[in-house]
Amino acid sequence: MWVQIAMLVISFLISYLLAPKPQSAKAPTLEEFTVPTAEEGVRIPVVFGKVWLEAPSVLDYGNLRNEPPIKAESGK
C-alpha cells in the first residue's frame, strides 16, 4: 500500500514538473476588439428565431473606455 502511495506522489511531482508553464497574458487594448457598427446604407436584416448574423448592426455597445475609478469625496 505504501509503495502505491509513493508511486502516486512521484507521478504527481513528475507531471507537475513536466507540465507546460503558461505565459503571462497581456490585457487586450480597445484596438483589438472587433465591435460591429451601424453604417449608413447598410441593409437591416429581419430575423425570425435563433440565427447567427455575420455582420450585425449595433447602435450602442456600452462604455469601452479604460479609466481608473474616481473616489468620491465625503462631505465631512
N, C-alpha and C. Protein backbone atom coordinates (compact mmCIF):
# COMPACT_ATOMS: atom_id res chain seq x y z
N MET A 1 0.82 -1.19 0.00
CA MET A 1 0.00 0.00 0.00
C MET A 1 0.87 1.25 0.00
N TRP A 2 1.94 1.27 0.81
CA TRP A 2 2.79 2.46 0.88
C TRP A 2 3.56 2.66 -0.42
N VAL A 3 3.86 1.57 -1.08
CA VAL A 3 4.56 1.68 -2.36
C VAL A 3 3.66 2.37 -3.38
N GLN A 4 2.38 2.04 -3.38
CA GLN A 4 1.44 2.64 -4.31
C GLN A 4 1.24 4.14 -4.02
N ILE A 5 1.19 4.50 -2.75
CA ILE A 5 1.06 5.92 -2.39
C ILE A 5 2.31 6.68 -2.81
N ALA A 6 3.48 6.09 -2.61
CA ALA A 6 4.73 6.73 -3.02
C ALA A 6 4.78 6.90 -4.53
N MET A 7 4.34 5.88 -5.27
CA MET A 7 4.30 5.99 -6.74
C MET A 7 3.33 7.08 -7.18
N LEU A 8 2.21 7.20 -6.48
CA LEU A 8 1.24 8.25 -6.79
C LEU A 8 1.84 9.63 -6.58
N VAL A 9 2.51 9.82 -5.45
CA VAL A 9 3.14 11.11 -5.16
C VAL A 9 4.23 11.42 -6.17
N ILE A 10 5.03 10.44 -6.53
CA ILE A 10 6.09 10.64 -7.51
C ILE A 10 5.51 10.99 -8.88
N SER A 11 4.43 10.32 -9.26
CA SER A 11 3.82 10.62 -10.56
C SER A 11 3.21 12.02 -10.57
N PHE A 12 2.64 12.48 -9.44
CA PHE A 12 2.15 13.85 -9.35
C PHE A 12 3.28 14.86 -9.50
N LEU A 13 4.40 14.60 -8.85
CA LEU A 13 5.55 15.50 -8.95
C LEU A 13 6.09 15.56 -10.37
N ILE A 14 6.20 14.42 -11.01
CA ILE A 14 6.71 14.38 -12.38
C ILE A 14 5.77 15.12 -13.32
N SER A 15 4.47 14.91 -13.19
CA SER A 15 3.53 15.59 -14.07
C SER A 15 3.51 17.09 -13.81
N TYR A 16 3.71 17.51 -12.56
CA TYR A 16 3.77 18.94 -12.25
C TYR A 16 5.01 19.58 -12.85
N LEU A 17 6.14 18.89 -12.75
CA LEU A 17 7.39 19.45 -13.27
C LEU A 17 7.45 19.47 -14.79
N LEU A 18 6.77 18.53 -15.45
CA LEU A 18 6.80 18.46 -16.91
C LEU A 18 5.65 19.21 -17.57
N ALA A 19 4.73 19.75 -16.80
CA ALA A 19 3.60 20.48 -17.38
C ALA A 19 4.08 21.79 -18.00
N PRO A 20 3.50 22.21 -19.15
CA PRO A 20 3.91 23.47 -19.76
C PRO A 20 3.50 24.65 -18.89
N LYS A 21 4.39 25.62 -18.78
CA LYS A 21 4.12 26.80 -17.96
C LYS A 21 3.42 27.85 -18.82
N PRO A 22 2.28 28.38 -18.39
CA PRO A 22 1.58 29.40 -19.18
C PRO A 22 2.33 30.73 -19.16
N GLN A 23 2.31 31.41 -20.30
CA GLN A 23 2.95 32.72 -20.38
C GLN A 23 2.00 33.76 -19.82
N SER A 24 2.55 34.84 -19.32
CA SER A 24 1.69 35.89 -18.78
C SER A 24 0.93 36.55 -19.92
N ALA A 25 -0.37 36.66 -19.75
CA ALA A 25 -1.23 37.21 -20.78
C ALA A 25 -1.26 38.73 -20.70
N LYS A 26 -1.23 39.38 -21.86
CA LYS A 26 -1.29 40.83 -21.92
C LYS A 26 -2.76 41.24 -22.05
N ALA A 27 -3.15 42.25 -21.33
CA ALA A 27 -4.54 42.72 -21.39
C ALA A 27 -4.83 43.28 -22.78
N PRO A 28 -6.00 42.94 -23.35
CA PRO A 28 -6.31 43.45 -24.69
C PRO A 28 -6.59 44.95 -24.67
N THR A 29 -6.23 45.60 -25.76
CA THR A 29 -6.50 47.03 -25.89
C THR A 29 -7.79 47.23 -26.67
N LEU A 30 -8.27 48.46 -26.71
CA LEU A 30 -9.52 48.75 -27.42
C LEU A 30 -9.39 48.51 -28.92
N GLU A 31 -8.18 48.64 -29.46
CA GLU A 31 -7.99 48.43 -30.90
C GLU A 31 -8.13 46.96 -31.28
N GLU A 32 -7.98 46.06 -30.32
CA GLU A 32 -8.06 44.63 -30.62
C GLU A 32 -9.49 44.10 -30.63
N PHE A 33 -10.46 44.87 -30.16
CA PHE A 33 -11.85 44.44 -30.18
C PHE A 33 -12.45 44.70 -31.55
N THR A 34 -13.26 43.77 -32.01
CA THR A 34 -13.98 43.97 -33.26
C THR A 34 -15.46 44.07 -32.93
N VAL A 35 -15.92 45.29 -32.77
CA VAL A 35 -17.31 45.56 -32.41
C VAL A 35 -18.05 45.96 -33.68
N PRO A 36 -19.16 45.31 -33.98
CA PRO A 36 -19.94 45.71 -35.15
C PRO A 36 -20.50 47.12 -34.98
N THR A 37 -20.57 47.84 -36.07
CA THR A 37 -21.06 49.22 -36.01
C THR A 37 -22.21 49.41 -36.99
N ALA A 38 -22.95 50.48 -36.80
CA ALA A 38 -24.04 50.83 -37.71
C ALA A 38 -23.51 51.82 -38.73
N GLU A 39 -23.74 51.52 -40.00
CA GLU A 39 -23.29 52.39 -41.08
C GLU A 39 -24.49 52.78 -41.93
N GLU A 40 -24.40 53.94 -42.52
CA GLU A 40 -25.49 54.42 -43.36
C GLU A 40 -25.52 53.62 -44.66
N GLY A 41 -26.71 53.22 -45.06
CA GLY A 41 -26.87 52.50 -46.31
C GLY A 41 -26.81 50.99 -46.19
N VAL A 42 -26.52 50.46 -45.03
CA VAL A 42 -26.44 49.01 -44.84
C VAL A 42 -27.84 48.47 -44.59
N ARG A 43 -28.17 47.37 -45.25
CA ARG A 43 -29.49 46.78 -45.08
C ARG A 43 -29.62 46.17 -43.70
N ILE A 44 -30.80 46.29 -43.09
CA ILE A 44 -31.07 45.74 -41.77
C ILE A 44 -31.80 44.41 -41.95
N PRO A 45 -31.21 43.30 -41.51
CA PRO A 45 -31.87 42.01 -41.70
C PRO A 45 -33.04 41.82 -40.74
N VAL A 46 -34.04 41.10 -41.19
CA VAL A 46 -35.17 40.72 -40.34
C VAL A 46 -34.95 39.26 -39.95
N VAL A 47 -34.92 39.00 -38.65
CA VAL A 47 -34.57 37.67 -38.17
C VAL A 47 -35.77 37.05 -37.47
N PHE A 48 -36.04 35.79 -37.79
CA PHE A 48 -37.08 35.02 -37.12
C PHE A 48 -36.40 33.81 -36.49
N GLY A 49 -36.47 33.70 -35.17
CA GLY A 49 -35.84 32.58 -34.48
C GLY A 49 -34.41 32.89 -34.10
N LYS A 50 -33.63 31.83 -33.87
CA LYS A 50 -32.24 31.98 -33.47
C LYS A 50 -31.34 31.73 -34.68
N VAL A 51 -30.62 32.75 -35.09
CA VAL A 51 -29.68 32.63 -36.21
C VAL A 51 -28.40 33.40 -35.85
N TRP A 52 -27.33 33.11 -36.59
CA TRP A 52 -26.06 33.81 -36.41
C TRP A 52 -25.91 34.81 -37.54
N LEU A 53 -25.76 36.09 -37.19
CA LEU A 53 -25.55 37.13 -38.18
C LEU A 53 -24.07 37.41 -38.31
N GLU A 54 -23.56 37.38 -39.54
CA GLU A 54 -22.13 37.63 -39.75
C GLU A 54 -21.77 39.09 -39.52
N ALA A 55 -22.66 40.01 -39.85
CA ALA A 55 -22.36 41.44 -39.69
C ALA A 55 -23.58 42.15 -39.11
N PRO A 56 -23.84 42.00 -37.81
CA PRO A 56 -24.99 42.66 -37.23
C PRO A 56 -24.76 44.17 -37.09
N SER A 57 -25.82 44.93 -37.10
CA SER A 57 -25.74 46.37 -36.89
C SER A 57 -26.01 46.65 -35.42
N VAL A 58 -25.05 47.27 -34.75
CA VAL A 58 -25.17 47.58 -33.34
C VAL A 58 -25.06 49.09 -33.18
N LEU A 59 -26.05 49.69 -32.53
CA LEU A 59 -26.04 51.13 -32.36
C LEU A 59 -25.30 51.57 -31.11
N ASP A 60 -25.34 50.78 -30.03
CA ASP A 60 -24.68 51.14 -28.79
C ASP A 60 -24.11 49.88 -28.16
N TYR A 61 -22.85 49.96 -27.72
CA TYR A 61 -22.18 48.79 -27.17
C TYR A 61 -21.68 49.03 -25.76
N GLY A 62 -21.94 50.15 -25.17
CA GLY A 62 -21.52 50.40 -23.80
C GLY A 62 -20.27 51.25 -23.72
N ASN A 63 -19.80 51.45 -22.52
CA ASN A 63 -18.66 52.30 -22.26
C ASN A 63 -17.38 51.46 -22.36
N LEU A 64 -16.60 51.66 -23.42
CA LEU A 64 -15.39 50.88 -23.64
C LEU A 64 -14.13 51.64 -23.26
N ARG A 65 -14.26 52.71 -22.52
CA ARG A 65 -13.08 53.47 -22.10
C ARG A 65 -12.41 52.77 -20.92
N ASN A 66 -11.13 52.97 -20.82
CA ASN A 66 -10.36 52.37 -19.75
C ASN A 66 -9.84 53.49 -18.86
N GLU A 67 -10.59 53.84 -17.84
CA GLU A 67 -10.22 54.90 -16.93
C GLU A 67 -10.29 54.38 -15.50
N PRO A 68 -9.38 54.84 -14.64
CA PRO A 68 -9.46 54.40 -13.24
C PRO A 68 -10.69 54.99 -12.56
N PRO A 69 -11.26 54.29 -11.59
CA PRO A 69 -12.45 54.82 -10.90
C PRO A 69 -12.08 56.06 -10.07
N ILE A 70 -13.01 56.98 -9.98
CA ILE A 70 -12.82 58.21 -9.23
C ILE A 70 -13.37 58.00 -7.84
N LYS A 71 -12.56 58.32 -6.84
CA LYS A 71 -13.02 58.18 -5.46
C LYS A 71 -13.95 59.33 -5.10
N ALA A 72 -15.06 59.00 -4.51
CA ALA A 72 -16.00 60.03 -4.09
C ALA A 72 -15.50 60.67 -2.79
N GLU A 73 -15.58 61.98 -2.73
CA GLU A 73 -15.14 62.68 -1.53
C GLU A 73 -16.29 62.75 -0.55
N SER A 74 -15.97 62.51 0.71
CA SER A 74 -17.02 62.56 1.71
C SER A 74 -17.25 64.03 2.12
N GLY A 75 -18.47 64.33 2.55
CA GLY A 75 -18.83 65.71 2.89
C GLY A 75 -18.55 66.07 4.34
N LYS A 76 -17.61 65.42 4.97
CA LYS A 76 -17.32 65.70 6.39
C LYS A 76 -16.37 66.85 6.55
